[in-house]
């Protein structure tokens, strides 16, 4: 599945309206980001960093993978109702952050290009496995994460040397 910046921008604008966030500057301030970054994301200019999508998702109280993969406006009120049903503990949030950081580091170290959609899928699968097995952030295994990463990006091209 390819990343759709237009879908992401549309979802963010829709949820901003629902949450009463009146401007890009207000969203940027709440998310701890600079306003030009928010403007680029809302303008669907390229593929944003997943960490920025996660910051915006937190402000909008929705899971970040729903921002990039679902048409929330056409799902109507069920989308906002579902987004508030999910609660995570501090340990689970730490685990999620650690998984995301480690996946990005492994991809960079292996010179692999991964999309926001792939990061979301890998992170969700790794989080589910870690929670099922009762793992904490410090228990994460690079081999497990690299396997999930490789399974997701078998056909993606290597990053160009910088």
Protein backbone atom coordinates (compact mmCIF):
# COMPACT_ATOMS: atom_id res chain seq x y z
CA UNK A 1 0.00 0.00 0.00
CA UNK A 2 1.38 3.43 -0.94
CA UNK A 3 1.42 6.41 1.39
CA UNK A 4 -1.35 8.91 0.66
CA UNK A 5 -0.39 12.38 1.91
CA UNK A 6 -3.73 13.77 0.74
CA UNK A 7 -5.63 11.29 2.93
CA UNK A 8 -3.44 12.16 5.92
CA UNK A 9 -3.98 15.90 5.40
CA UNK A 10 -7.74 15.44 4.97
CA UNK A 11 -7.93 13.34 8.15
CA UNK A 12 -5.93 15.89 10.16
CA UNK A 13 -8.09 18.79 8.96
CA UNK A 14 -11.28 16.84 9.74
CA UNK A 15 -10.12 16.00 13.27
CA UNK A 16 -8.90 19.56 13.84
CA UNK A 17 -12.43 20.70 13.10
CA UNK A 18 -13.91 18.13 15.50
CA UNK A 19 -11.44 19.09 18.25
CA UNK A 20 -11.90 22.84 17.77
CA UNK A 21 -8.32 23.43 16.66
CA UNK A 22 -8.61 26.53 14.53
CA UNK A 23 -5.21 26.87 12.89
CA UNK A 24 -2.06 25.11 11.78
CA UNK A 25 -0.16 27.20 14.33
CA UNK A 26 -2.39 26.00 17.16
CA UNK A 27 -1.92 22.37 16.07
CA UNK A 28 1.84 22.86 15.80
CA UNK A 29 2.01 24.40 19.28
CA UNK A 30 -0.05 21.62 20.85
CA UNK A 31 2.05 18.96 19.10
CA UNK A 32 5.37 20.59 19.99
CA UNK A 33 6.27 21.02 16.34
CA UNK A 34 7.14 24.00 14.19
CA UNK A 35 4.39 25.48 12.07
CA UNK A 36 6.13 25.01 8.68
CA UNK A 37 6.31 21.24 9.32
CA UNK A 38 2.56 21.14 9.97
CA UNK A 39 1.97 23.24 6.84
CA UNK A 40 4.00 20.75 4.74
CA UNK A 41 2.06 17.81 6.16
CA UNK A 42 -1.29 19.51 5.56
CA UNK A 43 -0.15 20.42 2.06
CA UNK A 44 0.60 16.72 1.39
CA UNK A 45 4.16 17.72 0.44
CA UNK A 46 6.09 14.45 0.56
CA UNK A 47 6.01 11.79 3.23
CA UNK A 48 6.27 13.11 6.79
CA UNK A 49 8.31 11.54 9.55
CA UNK A 50 6.26 9.01 11.46
CA UNK A 51 7.30 10.73 14.70
CA UNK A 52 5.57 13.92 13.49
CA UNK A 53 2.45 11.98 12.51
CA UNK A 54 2.46 10.43 16.00
CA UNK A 55 2.70 13.87 17.67
CA UNK A 56 -0.25 15.15 15.66
CA UNK A 57 -2.23 11.96 16.31
CA UNK A 58 -1.68 12.37 20.06
CA UNK A 59 -3.07 15.90 19.95
CA UNK A 60 -6.05 14.72 17.89
CA UNK A 61 -6.55 11.72 20.19
CA UNK A 62 -6.46 9.13 17.43
CA UNK A 63 -4.08 6.28 16.64
CA UNK A 64 -1.48 7.43 14.13
CA UNK A 65 -2.02 4.47 11.79
CA UNK A 66 -5.68 5.47 11.50
CA UNK A 67 -4.57 8.92 10.33
CA UNK A 68 -2.57 7.43 7.48
CA UNK A 69 -4.77 4.51 6.51
CA UNK A 70 -8.46 5.36 7.07
CA UNK A 71 -10.76 7.96 5.56
CA UNK A 72 -11.98 9.27 8.92
CA UNK A 73 -14.33 11.89 7.51
CA UNK A 74 -16.33 9.30 5.59
CA UNK A 75 -16.46 7.05 8.65
CA UNK A 76 -18.21 9.89 10.47
CA UNK A 77 -18.84 9.82 14.18
CA UNK A 78 -17.86 6.17 14.51
CA UNK A 79 -14.23 7.18 13.91
CA UNK A 80 -14.14 9.64 16.78
CA UNK A 81 -16.01 7.24 19.04
CA UNK A 82 -13.59 4.41 18.27
CA UNK A 83 -10.51 6.57 18.76
CA UNK A 84 -11.40 7.28 22.36
CA UNK A 85 -11.91 3.57 23.16
CA UNK A 86 -8.17 2.86 23.16
CA UNK A 87 -6.20 3.42 26.34
CA UNK A 88 -2.52 2.68 26.80
CA UNK A 89 -0.46 2.49 29.98
CA UNK A 90 2.77 4.44 30.38
CA UNK A 91 4.71 1.18 29.94
CA UNK A 92 2.87 0.43 26.70
CA UNK A 93 3.56 3.93 25.38
CA UNK A 94 7.25 3.54 26.28
CA UNK A 95 7.26 0.18 24.52
CA UNK A 96 5.62 1.69 21.44
CA UNK A 97 8.17 4.51 21.31
CA UNK A 98 11.07 2.10 21.74
CA UNK A 99 9.77 -0.14 18.95
CA UNK A 100 9.37 2.82 16.61
CA UNK A 101 12.82 4.23 17.33
CA UNK A 102 14.48 0.83 16.98
CA UNK A 103 12.69 0.09 13.68
CA UNK A 104 13.83 3.43 12.25
CA UNK A 105 17.41 2.81 13.42
CA UNK A 106 17.48 -0.70 11.99
CA UNK A 107 16.10 0.52 8.65
CA UNK A 108 18.69 3.30 8.53
CA UNK A 109 21.53 0.96 9.54
CA UNK A 110 20.45 -1.55 6.88
CA UNK A 111 20.07 1.23 4.27
CA UNK A 112 16.41 0.41 3.71
CA UNK A 113 13.69 2.83 2.78
CA UNK A 114 10.38 2.31 4.58
CA UNK A 115 7.16 4.24 4.24
CA UNK A 116 5.01 5.62 7.04
CA UNK A 117 2.46 2.90 6.27
CA UNK A 118 5.11 0.17 6.61
CA UNK A 119 6.37 1.72 9.87
CA UNK A 120 2.82 1.69 11.21
CA UNK A 121 2.27 -1.93 10.21
CA UNK A 122 5.62 -3.11 11.58
CA UNK A 123 5.16 -1.15 14.81
CA UNK A 124 1.63 -2.46 15.35
CA UNK A 125 2.72 -6.07 14.72
CA UNK A 126 5.78 -5.75 16.97
CA UNK A 127 3.73 -4.08 19.72
CA UNK A 128 1.11 -6.83 19.59
CA UNK A 129 3.82 -9.51 19.81
CA UNK A 130 5.59 -7.73 22.66
CA UNK A 131 2.36 -7.27 24.63
CA UNK A 132 1.31 -10.89 24.04
CA UNK A 133 4.70 -12.12 25.25
CA UNK A 134 4.77 -9.68 28.17
CA UNK A 135 7.91 -7.92 26.93
CA UNK A 136 9.03 -4.53 28.19
CA UNK A 137 11.00 -1.95 26.20
CA UNK A 138 14.32 -3.24 27.55
CA UNK A 139 13.41 -6.80 26.46
CA UNK A 140 13.09 -5.91 22.78
CA UNK A 141 15.25 -7.91 20.45
CA UNK A 142 16.74 -6.34 17.29
CA UNK A 143 16.51 -9.71 15.54
CA UNK A 144 12.74 -9.85 16.11
CA UNK A 145 12.31 -6.26 14.88
CA UNK A 146 14.63 -6.79 11.89
CA UNK A 147 12.59 -9.88 10.88
CA UNK A 148 9.37 -7.86 10.96
CA UNK A 149 11.06 -5.07 9.03
CA UNK A 150 12.46 -7.41 6.38
CA UNK A 151 9.12 -9.15 5.95
CA UNK A 152 7.46 -5.80 5.32
CA UNK A 153 10.02 -4.30 2.95
CA UNK A 154 11.28 -7.24 0.91
CA UNK A 155 10.87 -5.36 -2.35
CA UNK A 156 11.69 -1.79 -1.30
CA UNK A 157 14.83 -0.19 -2.72
CA UNK A 158 17.93 0.63 -0.64
CA UNK A 159 18.34 4.26 0.43
CA UNK A 160 20.58 6.36 -1.79
CA UNK A 161 23.94 7.15 -0.17
CA UNK A 162 23.88 10.63 1.35
